[in-house]
Amino acid sequence: MVLIQWAFWVLAAAAAGGLFLGLLSKRKVRYPSWFGLGHGGLGLAGLMTLVYALYIAGPEAAFPQAAFWALGLLGAAFLGGALFFGVLFRQAKPWWAIVGHGGLALAGVVVLFFAAY
């Protein structure tokens, strides 16, 4: 398995964890704060793996352009999540921010899937 595929699977796991957190938030279930930190840390690890995979490939690599679009979408989702949930809405997380963050990340993971496979 090549590194871009590893990045996909790490980010897919982070997305699954985010879906779980979103469902818990919708049902108003209290969960430990480290769940969110784990979700963000896993997303950051996947994002860094993707950046490294694109970096070591070099300019002559046959990566599809979709991999760079996925990087942009996932980077925006990560920064938006860090801004919304780490700075602005630390206690009460509005549903529109959860759906926006998740939708952007899901789009990035889907685009990365088509770039990796």
PDB file of N, CA and C in Angstrom:
ATOM      1  N   MET A   1       0.855  -1.173   0.000  1.00  0.00           N
ATOM      2  CA  MET A   1       0.000   0.000   0.000  1.00  0.00           C
ATOM      3  C   MET A   1       0.900   1.234   0.000  1.00  0.00           C
ATOM      4  N   VAL A   2       0.610   2.162  -0.882  1.00  0.00           N
ATOM      5  CA  VAL A   2       1.422   3.372  -0.974  1.00  0.00           C
ATOM      6  C   VAL A   2       0.974   4.375   0.085  1.00  0.00           C
ATOM      7  N   LEU A   3       1.798   5.385   0.283  1.00  0.00           N
ATOM      8  CA  LEU A   3       1.585   6.323   1.382  1.00  0.00           C
ATOM      9  C   LEU A   3       0.285   7.118   1.238  1.00  0.00           C
ATOM     10  N   ILE A   4      -0.106   7.441   0.024  1.00  0.00           N
ATOM     11  CA  ILE A   4      -1.345   8.201  -0.156  1.00  0.00           C
ATOM     12  C   ILE A   4      -2.559   7.356   0.249  1.00  0.00           C
ATOM     13  N   GLN A   5      -2.455   6.047   0.099  1.00  0.00           N
ATOM     14  CA  GLN A   5      -3.540   5.178   0.543  1.00  0.00           C
ATOM     15  C   GLN A   5      -3.583   5.104   2.071  1.00  0.00           C
ATOM     16  N   TRP A   6      -2.416   5.121   2.704  1.00  0.00           N
ATOM     17  CA  TRP A   6      -2.388   5.188   4.165  1.00  0.00           C
ATOM     18  C   TRP A   6      -3.045   6.472   4.645  1.00  0.00           C
ATOM     19  N   ALA A   7      -2.744   7.572   3.969  1.00  0.00           N
ATOM     20  CA  ALA A   7      -3.356   8.851   4.337  1.00  0.00           C
ATOM     21  C   ALA A   7      -4.872   8.773   4.211  1.00  0.00           C
ATOM     22  N   PHE A   8      -5.342   8.123   3.143  1.00  0.00           N
ATOM     23  CA  PHE A   8      -6.788   7.975   2.980  1.00  0.00           C
ATOM     24  C   PHE A   8      -7.397   7.221   4.150  1.00  0.00           C
ATOM     25  N   TRP A   9      -6.792   6.106   4.548  1.00  0.00           N
ATOM     26  CA  TRP A   9      -7.383   5.292   5.608  1.00  0.00           C
ATOM     27  C   TRP A   9      -7.326   5.985   6.968  1.00  0.00           C
ATOM     28  N   VAL A  10      -6.266   6.729   7.227  1.00  0.00           N
ATOM     29  CA  VAL A  10      -6.196   7.480   8.487  1.00  0.00           C
ATOM     30  C   VAL A  10      -7.273   8.565   8.503  1.00  0.00           C
ATOM     31  N   LEU A  11      -7.434   9.255   7.380  1.00  0.00           N
ATOM     32  CA  LEU A  11      -8.457  10.299   7.314  1.00  0.00           C
ATOM     33  C   LEU A  11      -9.868   9.717   7.316  1.00  0.00           C
ATOM     34  N   ALA A  12     -10.042   8.543   6.742  1.00  0.00           N
ATOM     35  CA  ALA A  12     -11.354   7.886   6.801  1.00  0.00           C
ATOM     36  C   ALA A  12     -11.690   7.493   8.238  1.00  0.00           C
ATOM     37  N   ALA A  13     -10.688   7.046   8.995  1.00  0.00           N
ATOM     38  CA  ALA A  13     -10.917   6.726  10.408  1.00  0.00           C
ATOM     39  C   ALA A  13     -11.263   7.987  11.195  1.00  0.00           C
ATOM     40  N   ALA A  14     -10.588   9.088  10.892  1.00  0.00           N
ATOM     41  CA  ALA A  14     -10.910  10.355  11.555  1.00  0.00           C
ATOM     42  C   ALA A  14     -12.325  10.803  11.205  1.00  0.00           C
ATOM     43  N   ALA A  15     -12.731  10.597   9.955  1.00  0.00           N
ATOM     44  CA  ALA A  15     -14.085  10.965   9.539  1.00  0.00           C
ATOM     45  C   ALA A  15     -15.130  10.096  10.241  1.00  0.00           C
ATOM     46  N   ALA A  16     -14.831   8.817  10.401  1.00  0.00           N
ATOM     47  CA  ALA A  16     -15.759   7.936  11.119  1.00  0.00           C
ATOM     48  C   ALA A  16     -15.880   8.367  12.580  1.00  0.00           C
ATOM     49  N   GLY A  17     -14.762   8.741  13.178  1.00  0.00           N
ATOM     50  CA  GLY A  17     -14.808   9.258  14.547  1.00  0.00           C
ATOM     51  C   GLY A  17     -15.581  10.558  14.633  1.00  0.00           C
ATOM     52  N   GLY A  18     -15.442  11.402  13.625  1.00  0.00           N
ATOM     53  CA  GLY A  18     -16.201  12.649  13.596  1.00  0.00           C
ATOM     54  C   GLY A  18     -17.692  12.411  13.446  1.00  0.00           C
ATOM     55  N   LEU A  19     -18.055  11.417  12.647  1.00  0.00           N
ATOM     56  CA  LEU A  19     -19.469  11.059  12.520  1.00  0.00           C
ATOM     57  C   LEU A  19     -20.018  10.588  13.867  1.00  0.00           C
ATOM     58  N   PHE A  20     -19.226   9.803  14.568  1.00  0.00           N
ATOM     59  CA  PHE A  20     -19.613   9.336  15.903  1.00  0.00           C
ATOM     60  C   PHE A  20     -19.798  10.521  16.859  1.00  0.00           C
ATOM     61  N   LEU A  21     -18.868  11.472  16.827  1.00  0.00           N
ATOM     62  CA  LEU A  21     -18.986  12.653  17.686  1.00  0.00           C
ATOM     63  C   LEU A  21     -20.199  13.498  17.312  1.00  0.00           C
ATOM     64  N   GLY A  22     -20.463  13.611  16.016  1.00  0.00           N
ATOM     65  CA  GLY A  22     -21.639  14.363  15.579  1.00  0.00           C
ATOM     66  C   GLY A  22     -22.935  13.723  16.051  1.00  0.00           C
ATOM     67  N   LEU A  23     -22.992  12.402  15.979  1.00  0.00           N
ATOM     68  CA  LEU A  23     -24.189  11.703  16.462  1.00  0.00           C
ATOM     69  C   LEU A  23     -24.351  11.858  17.971  1.00  0.00           C
ATOM     70  N   LEU A  24     -23.245  11.795  18.701  1.00  0.00           N
ATOM     71  CA  LEU A  24     -23.322  12.011  20.149  1.00  0.00           C
ATOM     72  C   LEU A  24     -23.793  13.427  20.470  1.00  0.00           C
ATOM     73  N   SER A  25     -23.309  14.398  19.709  1.00  0.00           N
ATOM     74  CA  SER A  25     -23.721  15.785  19.942  1.00  0.00           C
ATOM     75  C   SER A  25     -25.194  15.984  19.612  1.00  0.00           C
ATOM     76  N   LYS A  26     -25.648  15.365  18.538  1.00  0.00           N
ATOM     77  CA  LYS A  26     -27.054  15.500  18.148  1.00  0.00           C
ATOM     78  C   LYS A  26     -27.979  14.888  19.197  1.00  0.00           C
ATOM     79  N   ARG A  27     -27.545  13.784  19.789  1.00  0.00           N
ATOM     80  CA  ARG A  27     -28.363  13.128  20.812  1.00  0.00           C
ATOM     81  C   ARG A  27     -28.159  13.738  22.196  1.00  0.00           C
ATOM     82  N   LYS A  28     -27.297  14.770  22.257  1.00  0.00           N
ATOM     83  CA  LYS A  28     -26.997  15.484  23.499  1.00  0.00           C
ATOM     84  C   LYS A  28     -26.420  14.561  24.577  1.00  0.00           C
ATOM     85  N   VAL A  29     -25.553  13.657  24.135  1.00  0.00           N
ATOM     86  CA  VAL A  29     -24.857  12.751  25.042  1.00  0.00           C
ATOM     87  C   VAL A  29     -23.523  13.390  25.408  1.00  0.00           C
ATOM     88  N   ARG A  30     -23.212  13.400  26.685  1.00  0.00           N
ATOM     89  CA  ARG A  30     -21.923  13.947  27.117  1.00  0.00           C
ATOM     90  C   ARG A  30     -20.834  12.913  26.858  1.00  0.00           C
ATOM     91  N   TYR A  31     -19.711  13.394  26.362  1.00  0.00           N
ATOM     92  CA  TYR A  31     -18.579  12.509  26.088  1.00  0.00           C
ATOM     93  C   TYR A  31     -17.308  13.197  26.582  1.00  0.00           C
ATOM     94  N   PRO A  32     -16.266  12.430  26.847  1.00  0.00           N
ATOM     95  CA  PRO A  32     -15.026  13.029  27.352  1.00  0.00           C
ATOM     96  C   PRO A  32     -14.412  13.995  26.333  1.00  0.00           C
ATOM     97  N   SER A  33     -13.748  15.006  26.828  1.00  0.00           N
ATOM     98  CA  SER A  33     -13.177  16.016  25.936  1.00  0.00           C
ATOM     99  C   SER A  33     -12.046  15.452  25.079  1.00  0.00           C
ATOM    100  N   TRP A  34     -11.431  14.375  25.522  1.00  0.00           N
ATOM    101  CA  TRP A  34     -10.333  13.825  24.731  1.00  0.00           C
ATOM    102  C   TRP A  34     -10.829  13.146  23.460  1.00  0.00           C
ATOM    103  N   PHE A  35     -12.127  12.879  23.344  1.00  0.00           N
ATOM    104  CA  PHE A  35     -12.660  12.353  22.086  1.00  0.00           C
ATOM    105  C   PHE A  35     -12.422  13.358  20.956  1.00  0.00           C
ATOM    106  N   GLY A  36     -12.725  14.615  21.233  1.00  0.00           N
ATOM    107  CA  GLY A  36     -12.509  15.656  20.230  1.00  0.00           C
ATOM    108  C   GLY A  36     -11.036  15.851  19.915  1.00  0.00           C
ATOM    109  N   LEU A  37     -10.201  15.777  20.943  1.00  0.00           N
ATOM    110  CA  LEU A  37      -8.759  15.896  20.719  1.00  0.00           C
ATOM    111  C   LEU A  37      -8.227  14.720  19.902  1.00  0.00           C
ATOM    112  N   GLY A  38      -8.746  13.539  20.178  1.00  0.00           N
ATOM    113  CA  GLY A  38      -8.339  12.365  19.398  1.00  0.00           C
ATOM    114  C   GLY A  38      -8.767  12.481  17.945  1.00  0.00           C
ATOM    115  N   HIS A  39      -9.975  12.990  17.728  1.00  0.00           N
ATOM    116  CA  HIS A  39     -10.480  13.192  16.368  1.00  0.00           C
ATOM    117  C   HIS A  39      -9.603  14.199  15.621  1.00  0.00           C
ATOM    118  N   GLY A  40      -9.294  15.300  16.276  1.00  0.00           N
ATOM    119  CA  GLY A  40      -8.442  16.307  15.648  1.00  0.00           C
ATOM    120  C   GLY A  40      -7.021  15.817  15.436  1.00  0.00           C
ATOM    121  N   GLY A  41      -6.497  15.075  16.401  1.00  0.00           N
ATOM    122  CA  GLY A  41      -5.141  14.535  16.258  1.00  0.00           C
ATOM    123  C   GLY A  41      -5.036  13.523  15.137  1.00  0.00           C
ATOM    124  N   LEU A  42      -6.055  12.685  15.012  1.00  0.00           N
ATOM    125  CA  LEU A  42      -6.063  11.706  13.922  1.00  0.00           C
ATOM    126  C   LEU A  42      -6.194  12.409  12.571  1.00  0.00           C
ATOM    127  N   GLY A  43      -7.025  13.444  12.525  1.00  0.00           N
ATOM    128  CA  GLY A  43      -7.146  14.224  11.293  1.00  0.00           C
ATOM    129  C   GLY A  43      -5.839  14.908  10.927  1.00  0.00           C
ATOM    130  N   LEU A  44      -5.150  15.455  11.927  1.00  0.00           N
ATOM    131  CA  LEU A  44      -3.861  16.100  11.670  1.00  0.00           C
ATOM    132  C   LEU A  44      -2.827  15.083  11.199  1.00  0.00           C
ATOM    133  N   ALA A  45      -2.830  13.897  11.800  1.00  0.00           N
ATOM    134  CA  ALA A  45      -1.889  12.852  11.376  1.00  0.00           C
ATOM    135  C   ALA A  45      -2.148  12.442   9.927  1.00  0.00           C
ATOM    136  N   GLY A  46      -3.408  12.301   9.560  1.00  0.00           N
ATOM    137  CA  GLY A  46      -3.740  11.964   8.174  1.00  0.00           C
ATOM    138  C   GLY A  46      -3.369  13.074   7.211  1.00  0.00           C
ATOM    139  N   LEU A  47      -3.598  14.303   7.630  1.00  0.00           N
ATOM    140  CA  LEU A  47      -3.250  15.446   6.788  1.00  0.00           C
ATOM    141  C   LEU A  47      -1.741  15.540   6.589  1.00  0.00           C
ATOM    142  N   MET A  48      -0.982  15.320   7.644  1.00  0.00           N
ATOM    143  CA  MET A  48       0.478  15.362   7.530  1.00  0.00           C
ATOM    144  C   MET A  48       0.997  14.194   6.685  1.00  0.00           C
ATOM    145  N   THR A  49       0.352  13.043   6.782  1.00  0.00           N
ATOM    146  CA  THR A  49       0.732  11.911   5.934  1.00  0.00           C
ATOM    147  C   THR A  49       0.486  12.235   4.468  1.00  0.00           C
ATOM    148  N   LEU A  50      -0.628  12.881   4.185  1.00  0.00           N
ATOM    149  CA  LEU A  50      -0.933  13.273   2.809  1.00  0.00           C
ATOM    150  C   LEU A  50       0.072  14.301   2.299  1.00  0.00           C
ATOM    151  N   VAL A  51       0.400  15.279   3.118  1.00  0.00           N
ATOM    152  CA  VAL A  51       1.390  16.287   2.719  1.00  0.00           C
ATOM    153  C   VAL A  51       2.732  15.620   2.440  1.00  0.00           C
ATOM    154  N   TYR A  52       3.140  14.706   3.305  1.00  0.00           N
ATOM    155  CA  TYR A  52       4.417  14.021   3.114  1.00  0.00           C
ATOM    156  C   TYR A  52       4.390  13.141   1.863  1.00  0.00           C
ATOM    157  N   ALA A  53       3.276  12.476   1.622  1.00  0.00           N
ATOM    158  CA  ALA A  53       3.165  11.629   0.427  1.00  0.00           C
ATOM    159  C   ALA A  53       3.287  12.464  -0.840  1.00  0.00           C
ATOM    160  N   LEU A  54       2.677  13.633  -0.847  1.00  0.00           N
ATOM    161  CA  LEU A  54       2.777  14.497  -2.024  1.00  0.00           C
ATOM    162  C   LEU A  54       4.163  15.116  -2.144  1.00  0.00           C
ATOM    163  N   TYR A  55       4.809  15.374  -1.003  1.00  0.00           N
ATOM    164  CA  TYR A  55       6.135  15.985  -1.024  1.00  0.00           C
ATOM    165  C   TYR A  55       7.200  15.013  -1.537  1.00  0.00           C
ATOM    166  N   ILE A  56       7.190  13.781  -1.035  1.00  0.00           N
ATOM    167  CA  ILE A  56       8.245  12.848  -1.433  1.00  0.00           C
ATOM    168  C   ILE A  56       8.041  12.317  -2.847  1.00  0.00           C
ATOM    169  N   ALA A  57       6.852  12.486  -3.393  1.00  0.00           N
ATOM    170  CA  ALA A  57       6.601  11.993  -4.746  1.00  0.00           C
ATOM    171  C   ALA A  57       7.373  12.801  -5.780  1.00  0.00           C
ATOM    172  N   GLY A  58       7.609  14.063  -5.500  1.00  0.00           N
ATOM    173  CA  GLY A  58       8.351  14.894  -6.438  1.00  0.00           C
ATOM    174  C   GLY A  58       7.469  15.413  -7.560  1.00  0.00           C
ATOM    175  N   PRO A  59       8.009  16.322  -8.348  1.00  0.00           N
ATOM    176  CA  PRO A  59       7.200  16.930  -9.417  1.00  0.00           C
ATOM    177  C   PRO A  59       6.923  15.993 -10.591  1.00  0.00           C
ATOM    178  N   GLU A  60       7.700  14.932 -10.736  1.00  0.00           N
ATOM    179  CA  GLU A  60       7.491  14.023 -11.866  1.00  0.00           C
ATOM    180  C   GLU A  60       6.503  12.901 -11.550  1.00  0.00           C
ATOM    181  N   ALA A  61       5.952  12.896 -10.363  1.00  0.00           N
ATOM    182  CA  ALA A  61       5.054  11.808  -9.959  1.00  0.00           C
ATOM    183  C   ALA A  61       3.749  11.872 -10.742  1.00  0.00           C
ATOM    184  N   ALA A  62       3.117  10.731 -10.824  1.00  0.00           N
ATOM    185  CA  ALA A  62       1.868  10.627 -11.576  1.00  0.00           C
ATOM    186  C   ALA A  62       0.652  10.739 -10.660  1.00  0.00           C
ATOM    187  N   PHE A  63       0.755  11.559  -9.606  1.00  0.00           N
ATOM    188  CA  PHE A  63      -0.408  11.756  -8.744  1.00  0.00           C
ATOM    189  C   PHE A  63      -1.468  12.530  -9.499  1.00  0.00           C
ATOM    190  N   PRO A  64      -2.695  12.123  -9.374  1.00  0.00           N
ATOM    191  CA  PRO A  64      -3.748  12.910 -10.010  1.00  0.00           C
ATOM    192  C   PRO A  64      -3.889  14.270  -9.329  1.00  0.00           C
ATOM    193  N   GLN A  65      -4.390  15.210 -10.069  1.00  0.00           N
ATOM    194  CA  GLN A  65      -4.594  16.542  -9.518  1.00  0.00           C
ATOM    195  C   GLN A  65      -5.602  16.502  -8.373  1.00  0.00           C
ATOM    196  N   ALA A  66      -6.424  15.476  -8.335  1.00  0.00           N
ATOM    197  CA  ALA A  66      -7.421  15.351  -7.272  1.00  0.00           C
ATOM    198  C   ALA A  66      -6.772  15.258  -5.897  1.00  0.00           C
ATOM    199  N   ALA A  67      -5.550  14.730  -5.815  1.00  0.00           N
ATOM    200  CA  ALA A  67      -4.879  14.636  -4.520  1.00  0.00           C
ATOM    201  C   ALA A  67      -4.624  16.022  -3.939  1.00  0.00           C
ATOM    202  N   PHE A  68      -4.300  16.979  -4.787  1.00  0.00           N
ATOM    203  CA  PHE A  68      -4.068  18.338  -4.305  1.00  0.00           C
ATOM    204  C   PHE A  68      -5.379  19.032  -3.938  1.00  0.00           C
ATOM    205  N   TRP A  69      -6.446  18.723  -4.670  1.00  0.00           N
ATOM    206  CA  TRP A  69      -7.763  19.243  -4.294  1.00  0.00           C
ATOM    207  C   TRP A  69      -8.195  18.664  -2.951  1.00  0.00           C
ATOM    208  N   ALA A  70      -7.931  17.389  -2.751  1.00  0.00           N
ATOM    209  CA  ALA A  70      -8.263  16.761  -1.470  1.00  0.00           C
ATOM    210  C   ALA A  70      -7.482  17.416  -0.341  1.00  0.00           C
ATOM    211  N   LEU A  71      -6.215  17.716  -0.592  1.00  0.00           N
ATOM    212  CA  LEU A  71      -5.403  18.393   0.417  1.00  0.00           C
ATOM    213  C   LEU A  71      -6.002  19.747   0.776  1.00  0.00           C
ATOM    214  N   GLY A  72      -6.453  20.484  -0.218  1.00  0.00           N
ATOM    215  CA  GLY A  72      -7.071  21.783   0.046  1.00  0.00           C
ATOM    216  C   GLY A  72      -8.361  21.664   0.840  1.00  0.00           C
ATOM    217  N   LEU A  73      -9.214  20.726   0.455  1.00  0.00           N
ATOM    218  CA  LEU A  73     -10.482  20.530   1.170  1.00  0.00           C
ATOM    219  C   LEU A  73     -10.246  20.071   2.603  1.00  0.00           C
ATOM    220  N   LEU A  74      -9.346  19.108   2.770  1.00  0.00           N
ATOM    221  CA  LEU A  74      -9.092  18.583   4.112  1.00  0.00           C
ATOM    222  C   LEU A  74      -8.367  19.599   4.985  1.00  0.00           C
ATOM    223  N   GLY A  75      -7.490  20.381   4.383  1.00  0.00           N
ATOM    224  CA  GLY A  75      -6.834  21.447   5.138  1.00  0.00           C
ATOM    225  C   GLY A  75      -7.828  22.493   5.608  1.00  0.00           C
ATOM    226  N   ALA A  76      -8.774  22.848   4.738  1.00  0.00           N
ATOM    227  CA  ALA A  76      -9.809  23.811   5.125  1.00  0.00           C
ATOM    228  C   ALA A  76     -10.706  23.237   6.216  1.00  0.00           C
ATOM    229  N   ALA A  77     -11.031  21.951   6.116  1.00  0.00           N
ATOM    230  CA  ALA A  77     -11.858  21.317   7.147  1.00  0.00           C
ATOM    231  C   ALA A  77     -11.123  21.284   8.481  1.00  0.00           C
ATOM    232  N   PHE A  78      -9.818  20.989   8.442  1.00  0.00           N
ATOM    233  CA  PHE A  78      -9.046  20.946   9.685  1.00  0.00           C
ATOM    234  C   PHE A  78      -8.949  22.334  10.320  1.00  0.00           C
ATOM    235  N   LEU A  79      -8.614  23.327   9.516  1.00  0.00           N
ATOM    236  CA  LEU A  79      -8.493  24.682  10.064  1.00  0.00           C
ATOM    237  C   LEU A  79      -9.838  25.209  10.550  1.00  0.00           C
ATOM    238  N   GLY A  80     -10.902  24.900   9.807  1.00  0.00           N
ATOM    239  CA  GLY A  80     -12.236  25.312  10.251  1.00  0.00           C
ATOM    240  C   GLY A  80     -12.638  24.634  11.545  1.00  0.00           C
ATOM    241  N   GLY A  81     -12.337  23.345  11.658  1.00  0.00           N
ATOM    242  CA  GLY A  81     -12.645  22.637  12.898  1.00  0.00           C
ATOM    243  C   GLY A  81     -11.852  23.177  14.070  1.00  0.00           C
ATOM    244  N   ALA A  82     -10.575  23.467  13.837  1.00  0.00           N
ATOM    245  CA  ALA A  82      -9.749  24.020  14.912  1.00  0.00           C
ATOM    246  C   ALA A  82     -10.257  25.402  15.329  1.00  0.00           C
ATOM    247  N   LEU A  83     -10.660  26.205  14.347  1.00  0.00           N
ATOM    248  CA  LEU A  83     -11.161  27.543  14.663  1.00  0.00           C
ATOM    249  C   LEU A  83     -12.519  27.480  15.355  1.00  0.00           C
ATOM    250  N   PHE A  84     -13.451  26.713  14.774  1.00  0.00           N
ATOM    251  CA  PHE A  84     -14.799  26.667  15.340  1.00  0.00           C
ATOM    252  C   PHE A  84     -14.838  25.984  16.699  1.00  0.00           C
ATOM    253  N   PHE A  85     -14.244  24.802  16.786  1.00  0.00           N
ATOM    254  CA  PHE A  85     -14.417  23.998  17.993  1.00  0.00           C
ATOM    255  C   PHE A  85     -13.298  24.177  19.004  1.00  0.00           C
ATOM    256  N   GLY A  86     -12.177  24.718  18.578  1.00  0.00           N
ATOM    257  CA  GLY A  86     -11.083  24.948  19.508  1.00  0.00           C
ATOM    258  C   GLY A  86     -11.040  26.357  20.055  1.00  0.00           C
ATOM    259  N   VAL A  87     -11.618  27.315  19.307  1.00  0.00           N
ATOM    260  CA  VAL A  87     -11.517  28.713  19.719  1.00  0.00           C
ATOM    261  C   VAL A  87     -12.899  29.333  19.943  1.00  0.00           C
ATOM    262  N   LEU A  88     -13.750  29.313  18.920  1.00  0.00           N
ATOM    263  CA  LEU A  88     -15.002  30.068  18.993  1.00  0.00           C
ATOM    264  C   LEU A  88     -16.095  29.380  19.809  1.00  0.00           C
ATOM    265  N   PHE A  89     -16.325  28.105  19.563  1.00  0.00           N
ATOM    266  CA  PHE A  89     -17.437  27.398  20.206  1.00  0.00           C
ATOM    267  C   PHE A  89     -16.900  26.249  21.055  1.00  0.00           C
ATOM    268  N   ARG A  90     -16.214  26.574  22.123  1.00  0.00           N
ATOM    269  CA  ARG A  90     -15.605  25.522  22.941  1.00  0.00           C
ATOM    270  C   ARG A  90     -16.650  24.739  23.734  1.00  0.00           C
ATOM    271  N   GLN A  91     -17.704  25.372  24.170  1.00  0.00           N
ATOM    272  CA  GLN A  91     -18.701  24.690  24.994  1.00  0.00           C
ATOM    273  C   GLN A  91     -19.878  24.196  24.152  1.00  0.00           C
ATOM    274  N   ALA A  92     -20.672  25.117  23.656  1.00  0.00           N
ATOM    275  CA  ALA A  92     -21.852  24.754  22.865  1.00  0.00           C
ATOM    276  C   ALA A  92     -21.466  24.758  21.391  1.00  0.00           C
ATOM    277  N   LYS A  93     -21.538  23.605  20.778  1.00  0.00           N
ATOM    278  CA  LYS A  93     -21.156  23.478  19.376  1.00  0.00           C
ATOM    279  C   LYS A  93     -22.410  23.558  18.507  1.00  0.00           C
ATOM    280  N   PRO A  94     -22.533  24.622  17.699  1.00  0.00           N
ATOM    281  CA  PRO A  94     -23.736  24.750  16.868  1.00  0.00           C
ATOM    282  C   PRO A  94     -23.776  23.678  15.777  1.00  0.00           C
ATOM    283  N   TRP A  95     -24.983  23.261  15.473  1.00  0.00           N
ATOM    284  CA  TRP A  95     -25.173  22.175  14.519  1.00  0.00           C
ATOM    285  C   TRP A  95     -24.690  22.564  13.128  1.00  0.00           C
ATOM    286  N   TRP A  96     -24.863  23.834  12.732  1.00  0.00           N
ATOM    287  CA  TRP A  96     -24.415  24.262  11.406  1.00  0.00           C
ATOM    288  C   TRP A  96     -22.898  24.148  11.273  1.00  0.00           C
ATOM    289  N   ALA A  97     -22.166  24.381  12.352  1.00  0.00           N
ATOM    290  CA  ALA A  97     -20.708  24.264  12.297  1.00  0.00           C
ATOM    291  C   ALA A  97     -20.285  22.798  12.204  1.00  0.00           C
ATOM    292  N   ILE A  98     -20.994  21.933  12.905  1.00  0.00           N
ATOM    293  CA  ILE A  98     -20.684  20.498  12.846  1.00  0.00           C
ATOM    294  C   ILE A  98     -20.934  19.961  11.444  1.00  0.00           C
ATOM    295  N   VAL A  99     -22.078  20.318  10.863  1.00  0.00           N
ATOM    296  CA  VAL A  99     -22.426  19.833   9.525  1.00  0.00           C
ATOM    297  C   VAL A  99     -21.482  20.422   8.472  1.00  0.00           C
ATOM    298  N   GLY A 100     -21.143  21.684   8.599  1.00  0.00           N
ATOM    299  CA  GLY A 100     -20.218  22.300   7.645  1.00  0.00           C
ATOM    300  C   GLY A 100     -18.832  21.682   7.703  1.00  0.00           C
ATOM    301  N   HIS A 101     -18.331  21.476   8.905  1.00  0.00           N
ATOM    302  CA  HIS A 101     -17.019  20.853   9.089  1.00  0.00           C
ATOM    303  C   HIS A 101     -17.023  19.421   8.553  1.00  0.00           C
ATOM    304  N   GLY A 102     -18.059  18.681   8.888  1.00  0.00           N
ATOM    305  CA  GLY A 102     -18.146  17.296   8.430  1.00  0.00           C
ATOM    306  C   GLY A 102     -18.343  17.179   6.935  1.00  0.00           C
ATOM    307  N   GLY A 103     -19.142  18.055   6.365  1.00  0.00           N
ATOM    308  CA  GLY A 103     -19.366  18.019   4.917  1.00  0.00           C
ATOM    309  C   GLY A 103     -18.109  18.334   4.131  1.00  0.00           C
ATOM    310  N   LEU A 104     -17.356  19.311   4.597  1.00  0.00           N
ATOM    311  CA  LEU A 104     -16.102  19.661   3.931  1.00  0.00           C
ATOM    312  C   LEU A 104     -15.091  18.523   4.043  1.00  0.00           C
ATOM    313  N   ALA A 105     -15.009  17.919   5.219  1.00  0.00           N
ATOM    314  CA  ALA A 105     -14.086  16.796   5.408  1.00  0.00           C
ATOM    315  C   ALA A 105     -14.520  15.586   4.582  1.00  0.00           C
ATOM    316  N   LEU A 106     -15.814  15.327   4.527  1.00  0.00           N
ATOM    317  CA  LEU A 106     -16.301  14.200   3.731  1.00  0.00           C
ATOM    318  C   LEU A 106     -15.987  14.399   2.251  1.00  0.00           C
ATOM    319  N   ALA A 107     -16.168  15.613   1.762  1.00  0.00           N
ATOM    320  CA  ALA A 107     -15.820  15.892   0.363  1.00  0.00           C
ATOM    321  C   ALA A 107     -14.333  15.645   0.119  1.00  0.00           C
ATOM    322  N   GLY A 108     -13.493  16.055   1.064  1.00  0.00           N
ATOM    323  CA  GLY A 108     -12.058  15.829   0.919  1.00  0.00           C
ATOM    324  C   GLY A 108     -11.691  14.358   0.932  1.00  0.00           C
ATOM    325  N   VAL A 109     -12.334  13.582   1.793  1.00  0.00           N
ATOM    326  CA  VAL A 109     -12.043  12.145   1.865  1.00  0.00           C
ATOM    327  C   VAL A 109     -12.498  11.442   0.590  1.00  0.00           C
ATOM    328  N   VAL A 110     -13.639  11.835   0.050  1.00  0.00           N
ATOM    329  CA  VAL A 110     -14.125  11.219  -1.197  1.00  0.00           C
ATOM    330  C   VAL A 110     -13.188  11.553  -2.355  1.00  0.00           C
ATOM    331  N   VAL A 111     -12.761  12.796  -2.451  1.00  0.00           N
ATOM    332  CA  VAL A 111     -11.829  13.182  -3.516  1.00  0.00           C
ATOM    333  C   VAL A 111     -10.504  12.443  -3.346  1.00  0.00           C
ATOM    334  N   LEU A 112     -10.047  12.301  -2.104  1.00  0.00           N
ATOM    335  CA  LEU A 112      -8.803  11.569  -1.854  1.00  0.00           C
ATOM    336  C   LEU A 112      -8.941  10.096  -2.218  1.00  0.00           C
ATOM    337  N   PHE A 113     -10.107   9.522  -2.003  1.00  0.00           N
ATOM    338  CA  PHE A 113     -10.321   8.131  -2.399  1.00  0.00           C
ATOM    339  C   PHE A 113     -10.099   7.958  -3.897  1.00  0.00           C
ATOM    340  N   PHE A 114     -10.666   8.867  -4.687  1.00  0.00           N
ATOM    341  CA  PHE A 114     -10.507   8.754  -6.138  1.00  0.00           C
ATOM    342  C   PHE A 114      -9.074   9.046  -6.580  1.00  0.00           C
ATOM    343  N   ALA A 115      -8.346   9.819  -5.788  1.00  0.00           N
ATOM    344  CA  ALA A 115      -6.944  10.069  -6.123  1.00  0.00           C
ATOM    345  C   ALA A 115      -6.059   8.888  -5.727  1.00  0.00           C
ATOM    346  N   ALA A 116      -6.418   8.197  -4.652  1.00  0.00           N
ATOM    347  CA  ALA A 116      -5.562   7.128  -4.135  1.00  0.00           C
ATOM    348  C   ALA A 116      -5.821   5.784  -4.806  1.00  0.00           C
ATOM    349  N   TYR A 117      -7.036   5.562  -5.298  1.00  0.00           N
ATOM    350  CA  TYR A 117      -7.357   4.240  -5.857  1.00  0.00           C
ATOM    351  C   TYR A 117      -7.774   4.327  -7.302  1.00  0.00           C
TER     352      TYR A 117
END
